[in-house]
Every structure is written in C-alpha cells, then in structure tokens.
Amino acid sequence: MGHVTAVDLAVVGLLIALAIAGAGALTGDVGTRLVAAQLVGVIAVLITLVLSARHAHDSYSDVALVFALIILVGGLTVTRFLERWL
C-alpha cells in the first residue's frame, strides 16, 4: 500500500459522480434519463483518462477517445429515435 495521491482522490470523486449519475439514469422521465446516461458516459471517459495518466499508458487515452465518439454517436441516434415522443 502506498500513499494516496490527488489522482486517486480524483478517481474516487469521479466514481461518486458516476454513481449519482447512474441513479439519475434509472429514474425520471425519458429526457432526464437520456441526459443522465450521456453524463455517465462522459464520466466514464474522464475516469479512463485519469487512470491513463496515473498509470502512464497512452493507449488507454486512445480507448477513451473512441469511447467518447461512440457515446456521441449513440446519444445522437437515441435522441433522433426518441424525437417523436419528447
């Protein structure tokens, strides 16, 4: 066990935010759940980037970039699909 760094605290804070956004994605109306699901994706990308910097693996940054693009396209697709009911 080592000492706790600022990066470790950032990951814990992001995990707490992820749990709160995840709870929001499970409750509420369709619009609220969609926004919360997008927020969950953004927080997951941030966690991946922070852990990439923590462990000095540049390849994880590439994974985070691809994940962010998938989240963007997926969110736009779901919004387009739900446009009829919102």
PDB file of N, CA and C in Angstrom:
ATOM      1  N   MET A   1       0.846  -1.183   0.000  1.00  0.00           N
ATOM      2  CA  MET A   1       0.000   0.000   0.000  1.00  0.00           C
ATOM      3  C   MET A   1       0.886   1.238   0.000  1.00  0.00           C
ATOM      4  N   GLY A   2       0.559   2.134  -0.886  1.00  0.00           N
ATOM      5  CA  GLY A   2       1.303   3.378  -0.982  1.00  0.00           C
ATOM      6  C   GLY A   2       0.491   4.524  -0.416  1.00  0.00           C
ATOM      7  N   HIS A   3       0.973   5.690  -0.677  1.00  0.00           N
ATOM      8  CA  HIS A   3       0.269   6.871  -0.208  1.00  0.00           C
ATOM      9  C   HIS A   3      -0.825   7.252  -1.206  1.00  0.00           C
ATOM     10  N   VAL A   4      -1.789   8.000  -0.734  1.00  0.00           N
ATOM     11  CA  VAL A   4      -2.916   8.417  -1.563  1.00  0.00           C
ATOM     12  C   VAL A   4      -2.526   9.696  -2.296  1.00  0.00           C
ATOM     13  N   THR A   5      -2.688   9.680  -3.610  1.00  0.00           N
ATOM     14  CA  THR A   5      -2.339  10.849  -4.412  1.00  0.00           C
ATOM     15  C   THR A   5      -3.600  11.613  -4.807  1.00  0.00           C
ATOM     16  N   ALA A   6      -3.388  12.764  -5.402  1.00  0.00           N
ATOM     17  CA  ALA A   6      -4.512  13.574  -5.872  1.00  0.00           C
ATOM     18  C   ALA A   6      -5.267  12.858  -6.986  1.00  0.00           C
ATOM     19  N   VAL A   7      -4.553  12.080  -7.775  1.00  0.00           N
ATOM     20  CA  VAL A   7      -5.201  11.328  -8.854  1.00  0.00           C
ATOM     21  C   VAL A   7      -6.137  10.275  -8.268  1.00  0.00           C
ATOM     22  N   ASP A   8      -5.711   9.621  -7.202  1.00  0.00           N
ATOM     23  CA  ASP A   8      -6.574   8.636  -6.544  1.00  0.00           C
ATOM     24  C   ASP A   8      -7.844   9.294  -6.005  1.00  0.00           C
ATOM     25  N   LEU A   9      -7.695  10.472  -5.424  1.00  0.00           N
ATOM     26  CA  LEU A   9      -8.862  11.194  -4.919  1.00  0.00           C
ATOM     27  C   LEU A   9      -9.775  11.635  -6.057  1.00  0.00           C
ATOM     28  N   ALA A  10      -9.180  12.004  -7.189  1.00  0.00           N
ATOM     29  CA  ALA A  10      -9.985  12.383  -8.353  1.00  0.00           C
ATOM     30  C   ALA A  10     -10.799  11.199  -8.858  1.00  0.00           C
ATOM     31  N   VAL A  11     -10.193  10.019  -8.874  1.00  0.00           N
ATOM     32  CA  VAL A  11     -10.916   8.825  -9.321  1.00  0.00           C
ATOM     33  C   VAL A  11     -12.062   8.512  -8.366  1.00  0.00           C
ATOM     34  N   VAL A  12     -11.828   8.635  -7.076  1.00  0.00           N
ATOM     35  CA  VAL A  12     -12.897   8.384  -6.102  1.00  0.00           C
ATOM     36  C   VAL A  12     -14.035   9.388  -6.290  1.00  0.00           C
ATOM     37  N   GLY A  13     -13.689  10.655  -6.488  1.00  0.00           N
ATOM     38  CA  GLY A  13     -14.716  11.668  -6.733  1.00  0.00           C
ATOM     39  C   GLY A  13     -15.510  11.395  -7.998  1.00  0.00           C
ATOM     40  N   LEU A  14     -14.811  10.963  -9.047  1.00  0.00           N
ATOM     41  CA  LEU A  14     -15.500  10.637 -10.294  1.00  0.00           C
ATOM     42  C   LEU A  14     -16.381   9.402 -10.143  1.00  0.00           C
ATOM     43  N   LEU A  15     -15.947   8.441  -9.339  1.00  0.00           N
ATOM     44  CA  LEU A  15     -16.780   7.257  -9.099  1.00  0.00           C
ATOM     45  C   LEU A  15     -18.050   7.617  -8.339  1.00  0.00           C
ATOM     46  N   ILE A  16     -17.937   8.553  -7.402  1.00  0.00           N
ATOM     47  CA  ILE A  16     -19.127   9.022  -6.682  1.00  0.00           C
ATOM     48  C   ILE A  16     -20.073   9.728  -7.650  1.00  0.00           C
ATOM     49  N   ALA A  17     -19.509  10.576  -8.512  1.00  0.00           N
ATOM     50  CA  ALA A  17     -20.333  11.255  -9.517  1.00  0.00           C
ATOM     51  C   ALA A  17     -20.965  10.256 -10.473  1.00  0.00           C
ATOM     52  N   LEU A  18     -20.224   9.202 -10.802  1.00  0.00           N
ATOM     53  CA  LEU A  18     -20.753   8.156 -11.680  1.00  0.00           C
ATOM     54  C   LEU A  18     -21.936   7.448 -11.029  1.00  0.00           C
ATOM     55  N   ALA A  19     -21.844   7.184  -9.736  1.00  0.00           N
ATOM     56  CA  ALA A  19     -22.946   6.531  -9.027  1.00  0.00           C
ATOM     57  C   ALA A  19     -24.184   7.428  -8.987  1.00  0.00           C
ATOM     58  N   ILE A  20     -23.985   8.711  -8.761  1.00  0.00           N
ATOM     59  CA  ILE A  20     -25.116   9.643  -8.718  1.00  0.00           C
ATOM     60  C   ILE A  20     -25.769   9.761 -10.094  1.00  0.00           C
ATOM     61  N   ALA A  21     -24.945   9.888 -11.132  1.00  0.00           N
ATOM     62  CA  ALA A  21     -25.491   9.981 -12.491  1.00  0.00           C
ATOM     63  C   ALA A  21     -26.158   8.671 -12.900  1.00  0.00           C
ATOM     64  N   GLY A  22     -25.610   7.550 -12.458  1.00  0.00           N
ATOM     65  CA  GLY A  22     -26.227   6.258 -12.750  1.00  0.00           C
ATOM     66  C   GLY A  22     -27.587   6.126 -12.103  1.00  0.00           C
ATOM     67  N   ALA A  23     -27.715   6.633 -10.882  1.00  0.00           N
ATOM     68  CA  ALA A  23     -29.017   6.619 -10.222  1.00  0.00           C
ATOM     69  C   ALA A  23     -30.003   7.511 -10.965  1.00  0.00           C
ATOM     70  N   GLY A  24     -29.514   8.630 -11.476  1.00  0.00           N
ATOM     71  CA  GLY A  24     -30.377   9.510 -12.264  1.00  0.00           C
ATOM     72  C   GLY A  24     -30.801   8.883 -13.575  1.00  0.00           C
ATOM     73  N   ALA A  25     -29.935   8.039 -14.134  1.00  0.00           N
ATOM     74  CA  ALA A  25     -30.270   7.373 -15.395  1.00  0.00           C
ATOM     75  C   ALA A  25     -31.334   6.299 -15.204  1.00  0.00           C
ATOM     76  N   LEU A  26     -31.526   5.856 -13.984  1.00  0.00           N
ATOM     77  CA  LEU A  26     -32.517   4.816 -13.715  1.00  0.00           C
ATOM     78  C   LEU A  26     -33.872   5.372 -13.303  1.00  0.00           C
ATOM     79  N   THR A  27     -33.927   6.663 -12.994  1.00  0.00           N
ATOM     80  CA  THR A  27     -35.177   7.268 -12.533  1.00  0.00           C
ATOM     81  C   THR A  27     -35.515   8.467 -13.412  1.00  0.00           C
ATOM     82  N   GLY A  28     -36.720   8.929 -13.303  1.00  0.00           N
ATOM     83  CA  GLY A  28     -37.131  10.119 -14.030  1.00  0.00           C
ATOM     84  C   GLY A  28     -37.786   9.810 -15.361  1.00  0.00           C
ATOM     85  N   ASP A  29     -38.104  10.890 -16.073  1.00  0.00           N
ATOM     86  CA  ASP A  29     -38.735  10.717 -17.377  1.00  0.00           C
ATOM     87  C   ASP A  29     -37.677  10.425 -18.440  1.00  0.00           C
ATOM     88  N   VAL A  30     -38.111  10.285 -19.671  1.00  0.00           N
ATOM     89  CA  VAL A  30     -37.221   9.853 -20.748  1.00  0.00           C
ATOM     90  C   VAL A  30     -36.101  10.863 -20.985  1.00  0.00           C
ATOM     91  N   GLY A  31     -36.428  12.137 -20.993  1.00  0.00           N
ATOM     92  CA  GLY A  31     -35.417  13.165 -21.230  1.00  0.00           C
ATOM     93  C   GLY A  31     -34.358  13.196 -20.147  1.00  0.00           C
ATOM     94  N   THR A  32     -34.782  13.086 -18.901  1.00  0.00           N
ATOM     95  CA  THR A  32     -33.844  13.079 -17.783  1.00  0.00           C
ATOM     96  C   THR A  32     -32.936  11.862 -17.837  1.00  0.00           C
ATOM     97  N   ARG A  33     -33.494  10.725 -18.154  1.00  0.00           N
ATOM     98  CA  ARG A  33     -32.684   9.506 -18.244  1.00  0.00           C
ATOM     99  C   ARG A  33     -31.677   9.582 -19.381  1.00  0.00           C
ATOM    100  N   LEU A  34     -32.062  10.202 -20.488  1.00  0.00           N
ATOM    101  CA  LEU A  34     -31.149  10.342 -21.621  1.00  0.00           C
ATOM    102  C   LEU A  34     -29.968  11.233 -21.265  1.00  0.00           C
ATOM    103  N   VAL A  35     -30.243  12.357 -20.627  1.00  0.00           N
ATOM    104  CA  VAL A  35     -29.166  13.263 -20.222  1.00  0.00           C
ATOM    105  C   VAL A  35     -28.267  12.598 -19.184  1.00  0.00           C
ATOM    106  N   ALA A  36     -28.857  11.892 -18.238  1.00  0.00           N
ATOM    107  CA  ALA A  36     -28.060  11.209 -17.216  1.00  0.00           C
ATOM    108  C   ALA A  36     -27.203  10.102 -17.827  1.00  0.00           C
ATOM    109  N   ALA A  37     -27.727   9.405 -18.817  1.00  0.00           N
ATOM    110  CA  ALA A  37     -26.940   8.364 -19.485  1.00  0.00           C
ATOM    111  C   ALA A  37     -25.763   8.972 -20.236  1.00  0.00           C
ATOM    112  N   GLN A  38     -25.972  10.128 -20.853  1.00  0.00           N
ATOM    113  CA  GLN A  38     -24.863  10.821 -21.515  1.00  0.00           C
ATOM    114  C   GLN A  38     -23.811  11.243 -20.486  1.00  0.00           C
ATOM    115  N   LEU A  39     -24.268  11.712 -19.336  1.00  0.00           N
ATOM    116  CA  LEU A  39     -23.343  12.116 -18.280  1.00  0.00           C
ATOM    117  C   LEU A  39     -22.549  10.929 -17.756  1.00  0.00           C
ATOM    118  N   VAL A  40     -23.182   9.776 -17.626  1.00  0.00           N
ATOM    119  CA  VAL A  40     -22.475   8.560 -17.210  1.00  0.00           C
ATOM    120  C   VAL A  40     -21.354   8.250 -18.193  1.00  0.00           C
ATOM    121  N   GLY A  41     -21.630   8.382 -19.475  1.00  0.00           N
ATOM    122  CA  GLY A  41     -20.608   8.131 -20.480  1.00  0.00           C
ATOM    123  C   GLY A  41     -19.447   9.102 -20.393  1.00  0.00           C
ATOM    124  N   VAL A  42     -19.749  10.370 -20.191  1.00  0.00           N
ATOM    125  CA  VAL A  42     -18.692  11.380 -20.075  1.00  0.00           C
ATOM    126  C   VAL A  42     -17.837  11.124 -18.839  1.00  0.00           C
ATOM    127  N   ILE A  43     -18.460  10.784 -17.734  1.00  0.00           N
ATOM    128  CA  ILE A  43     -17.704  10.498 -16.511  1.00  0.00           C
ATOM    129  C   ILE A  43     -16.844   9.254 -16.696  1.00  0.00           C
ATOM    130  N   ALA A  44     -17.360   8.256 -17.398  1.00  0.00           N
ATOM    131  CA  ALA A  44     -16.564   7.050 -17.668  1.00  0.00           C
ATOM    132  C   ALA A  44     -15.341   7.380 -18.517  1.00  0.00           C
ATOM    133  N   VAL A  45     -15.498   8.273 -19.484  1.00  0.00           N
ATOM    134  CA  VAL A  45     -14.349   8.709 -20.291  1.00  0.00           C
ATOM    135  C   VAL A  45     -13.337   9.446 -19.418  1.00  0.00           C
ATOM    136  N   LEU A  46     -13.820  10.305 -18.529  1.00  0.00           N
ATOM    137  CA  LEU A  46     -12.910  11.022 -17.630  1.00  0.00           C
ATOM    138  C   LEU A  46     -12.149  10.067 -16.718  1.00  0.00           C
ATOM    139  N   ILE A  47     -12.833   9.062 -16.198  1.00  0.00           N
ATOM    140  CA  ILE A  47     -12.161   8.076 -15.349  1.00  0.00           C
ATOM    141  C   ILE A  47     -11.086   7.351 -16.140  1.00  0.00           C
ATOM    142  N   THR A  48     -11.397   6.982 -17.379  1.00  0.00           N
ATOM    143  CA  THR A  48     -10.409   6.303 -18.221  1.00  0.00           C
ATOM    144  C   THR A  48      -9.200   7.193 -18.470  1.00  0.00           C
ATOM    145  N   LEU A  49      -9.425   8.480 -18.723  1.00  0.00           N
ATOM    146  CA  LEU A  49      -8.310   9.400 -18.959  1.00  0.00           C
ATOM    147  C   LEU A  49      -7.461   9.605 -17.710  1.00  0.00           C
ATOM    148  N   VAL A  50      -8.110   9.730 -16.563  1.00  0.00           N
ATOM    149  CA  VAL A  50      -7.358   9.916 -15.316  1.00  0.00           C
ATOM    150  C   VAL A  50      -6.532   8.679 -15.003  1.00  0.00           C
ATOM    151  N   LEU A  51      -7.120   7.506 -15.164  1.00  0.00           N
ATOM    152  CA  LEU A  51      -6.362   6.278 -14.913  1.00  0.00           C
ATOM    153  C   LEU A  51      -5.249   6.086 -15.939  1.00  0.00           C
ATOM    154  N   SER A  52      -5.466   6.557 -17.155  1.00  0.00           N
ATOM    155  CA  SER A  52      -4.421   6.503 -18.176  1.00  0.00           C
ATOM    156  C   SER A  52      -3.232   7.367 -17.768  1.00  0.00           C
ATOM    157  N   ALA A  53      -3.512   8.541 -17.247  1.00  0.00           N
ATOM    158  CA  ALA A  53      -2.431   9.414 -16.783  1.00  0.00           C
ATOM    159  C   ALA A  53      -1.760   8.842 -15.539  1.00  0.00           C
ATOM    160  N   ARG A  54      -2.533   8.225 -14.685  1.00  0.00           N
ATOM    161  CA  ARG A  54      -1.996   7.664 -13.437  1.00  0.00           C
ATOM    162  C   ARG A  54      -1.011   6.537 -13.710  1.00  0.00           C
ATOM    163  N   HIS A  55      -1.342   5.676 -14.659  1.00  0.00           N
ATOM    164  CA  HIS A  55      -0.505   4.511 -14.928  1.00  0.00           C
ATOM    165  C   HIS A  55       0.419   4.700 -16.127  1.00  0.00           C
ATOM    166  N   ALA A  56       0.412   5.891 -16.716  1.00  0.00           N
ATOM    167  CA  ALA A  56       1.284   6.256 -17.841  1.00  0.00           C
ATOM    168  C   ALA A  56       1.128   5.310 -19.027  1.00  0.00           C
ATOM    169  N   HIS A  57      -0.120   5.006 -19.366  1.00  0.00           N
ATOM    170  CA  HIS A  57      -0.424   4.190 -20.545  1.00  0.00           C
ATOM    171  C   HIS A  57      -1.148   5.076 -21.558  1.00  0.00           C
ATOM    172  N   ASP A  58      -0.451   5.469 -22.603  1.00  0.00           N
ATOM    173  CA  ASP A  58      -1.057   6.336 -23.608  1.00  0.00           C
ATOM    174  C   ASP A  58      -2.132   5.622 -24.420  1.00  0.00           C
ATOM    175  N   SER A  59      -2.039   4.316 -24.510  1.00  0.00           N
ATOM    176  CA  SER A  59      -3.030   3.580 -25.305  1.00  0.00           C
ATOM    177  C   SER A  59      -4.424   3.673 -24.682  1.00  0.00           C
ATOM    178  N   TYR A  60      -4.503   3.838 -23.368  1.00  0.00           N
ATOM    179  CA  TYR A  60      -5.805   3.985 -22.731  1.00  0.00           C
ATOM    180  C   TYR A  60      -6.461   5.308 -23.121  1.00  0.00           C
ATOM    181  N   SER A  61      -5.659   6.309 -23.432  1.00  0.00           N
ATOM    182  CA  SER A  61      -6.214   7.577 -23.906  1.00  0.00           C
ATOM    183  C   SER A  61      -6.909   7.386 -25.247  1.00  0.00           C
ATOM    184  N   ASP A  62      -6.343   6.530 -26.080  1.00  0.00           N
ATOM    185  CA  ASP A  62      -6.981   6.229 -27.362  1.00  0.00           C
ATOM    186  C   ASP A  62      -8.317   5.530 -27.152  1.00  0.00           C
ATOM    187  N   VAL A  63      -8.364   4.636 -26.187  1.00  0.00           N
ATOM    188  CA  VAL A  63      -9.617   3.946 -25.864  1.00  0.00           C
ATOM    189  C   VAL A  63     -10.660   4.954 -25.394  1.00  0.00           C
ATOM    190  N   ALA A  64     -10.249   5.918 -24.577  1.00  0.00           N
ATOM    191  CA  ALA A  64     -11.176   6.939 -24.093  1.00  0.00           C
ATOM    192  C   ALA A  64     -11.698   7.795 -25.242  1.00  0.00           C
ATOM    193  N   LEU A  65     -10.835   8.111 -26.205  1.00  0.00           N
ATOM    194  CA  LEU A  65     -11.265   8.899 -27.359  1.00  0.00           C
ATOM    195  C   LEU A  65     -12.300   8.141 -28.190  1.00  0.00           C
ATOM    196  N   VAL A  66     -12.060   6.878 -28.441  1.00  0.00           N
ATOM    197  CA  VAL A  66     -13.016   6.063 -29.199  1.00  0.00           C
ATOM    198  C   VAL A  66     -14.328   5.937 -28.427  1.00  0.00           C
ATOM    199  N   PHE A  67     -14.236   5.748 -27.120  1.00  0.00           N
ATOM    200  CA  PHE A  67     -15.430   5.638 -26.289  1.00  0.00           C
ATOM    201  C   PHE A  67     -16.239   6.932 -26.338  1.00  0.00           C
ATOM    202  N   ALA A  68     -15.556   8.080 -26.314  1.00  0.00           N
ATOM    203  CA  ALA A  68     -16.249   9.368 -26.382  1.00  0.00           C
ATOM    204  C   ALA A  68     -16.975   9.532 -27.713  1.00  0.00           C
ATOM    205  N   LEU A  69     -16.353   9.100 -28.797  1.00  0.00           N
ATOM    206  CA  LEU A  69     -17.008   9.191 -30.105  1.00  0.00           C
ATOM    207  C   LEU A  69     -18.224   8.274 -30.185  1.00  0.00           C
ATOM    208  N   ILE A  70     -18.117   7.087 -29.608  1.00  0.00           N
ATOM    209  CA  ILE A  70     -19.253   6.160 -29.596  1.00  0.00           C
ATOM    210  C   ILE A  70     -20.398   6.737 -28.770  1.00  0.00           C
ATOM    211  N   ILE A  71     -20.077   7.373 -27.655  1.00  0.00           N
ATOM    212  CA  ILE A  71     -21.106   7.993 -26.817  1.00  0.00           C
ATOM    213  C   ILE A  71     -21.813   9.102 -27.581  1.00  0.00           C
ATOM    214  N   LEU A  72     -21.043   9.908 -28.308  1.00  0.00           N
ATOM    215  CA  LEU A  72     -21.636  10.999 -29.077  1.00  0.00           C
ATOM    216  C   LEU A  72     -22.591  10.470 -30.142  1.00  0.00           C
ATOM    217  N   VAL A  73     -22.138   9.526 -30.920  1.00  0.00           N
ATOM    218  CA  VAL A  73     -22.977   8.967 -31.989  1.00  0.00           C
ATOM    219  C   VAL A  73     -24.189   8.243 -31.404  1.00  0.00           C
ATOM    220  N   GLY A  74     -23.987   7.491 -30.332  1.00  0.00           N
ATOM    221  CA  GLY A  74     -25.098   6.785 -29.702  1.00  0.00           C
ATOM    222  C   GLY A  74     -26.134   7.735 -29.136  1.00  0.00           C
ATOM    223  N   GLY A  75     -25.682   8.798 -28.502  1.00  0.00           N
ATOM    224  CA  GLY A  75     -26.614   9.779 -27.956  1.00  0.00           C
ATOM    225  C   GLY A  75     -27.423  10.479 -29.028  1.00  0.00           C
ATOM    226  N   LEU A  76     -26.759  10.826 -30.127  1.00  0.00           N
ATOM    227  CA  LEU A  76     -27.481  11.458 -31.233  1.00  0.00           C
ATOM    228  C   LEU A  76     -28.487  10.502 -31.863  1.00  0.00           C
ATOM    229  N   THR A  77     -28.114   9.238 -31.961  1.00  0.00           N
ATOM    230  CA  THR A  77     -29.020   8.244 -32.537  1.00  0.00           C
ATOM    231  C   THR A  77     -30.245   8.037 -31.658  1.00  0.00           C
ATOM    232  N   VAL A  78     -30.035   7.912 -30.367  1.00  0.00           N
ATOM    233  CA  VAL A  78     -31.162   7.721 -29.447  1.00  0.00           C
ATOM    234  C   VAL A  78     -32.042   8.962 -29.424  1.00  0.00           C
ATOM    235  N   THR A  79     -31.436  10.144 -29.454  1.00  0.00           N
ATOM    236  CA  THR A  79     -32.214  11.377 -29.474  1.00  0.00           C
ATOM    237  C   THR A  79     -33.062  11.465 -30.735  1.00  0.00           C
ATOM    238  N   ARG A  80     -32.474  11.103 -31.845  1.00  0.00           N
ATOM    239  CA  ARG A  80     -33.219  11.106 -33.114  1.00  0.00           C
ATOM    240  C   ARG A  80     -34.383  10.110 -33.058  1.00  0.00           C
ATOM    241  N   PHE A  81     -34.143   8.956 -32.464  1.00  0.00           N
ATOM    242  CA  PHE A  81     -35.188   7.944 -32.348  1.00  0.00           C
ATOM    243  C   PHE A  81     -36.307   8.399 -31.415  1.00  0.00           C
ATOM    244  N   LEU A  82     -35.941   9.035 -30.296  1.00  0.00           N
ATOM    245  CA  LEU A  82     -36.934   9.448 -29.302  1.00  0.00           C
ATOM    246  C   LEU A  82     -37.550  10.805 -29.611  1.00  0.00           C
ATOM    247  N   GLU A  83     -37.125  11.429 -30.691  1.00  0.00           N
ATOM    248  CA  GLU A  83     -37.614  12.756 -31.043  1.00  0.00           C
ATOM    249  C   GLU A  83     -39.134  12.775 -31.205  1.00  0.00           C
ATOM    250  N   ARG A  84     -39.686  11.683 -31.601  1.00  0.00           N
ATOM    251  CA  ARG A  84     -41.136  11.610 -31.811  1.00  0.00           C
ATOM    252  C   ARG A  84     -41.918  11.736 -30.505  1.00  0.00           C
ATOM    253  N   TRP A  85     -41.330  11.273 -29.405  1.00  0.00           N
ATOM    254  CA  TRP A  85     -42.059  11.224 -28.139  1.00  0.00           C
ATOM    255  C   TRP A  85     -41.644  12.299 -27.150  1.00  0.00           C
ATOM    256  N   LEU A  86     -40.583  13.021 -27.404  1.00  0.00           N
ATOM    257  CA  LEU A  86     -40.135  14.042 -26.444  1.00  0.00           C
ATOM    258  C   LEU A  86     -40.803  15.366 -26.663  1.00  0.00           C
TER     259      LEU A  86
END
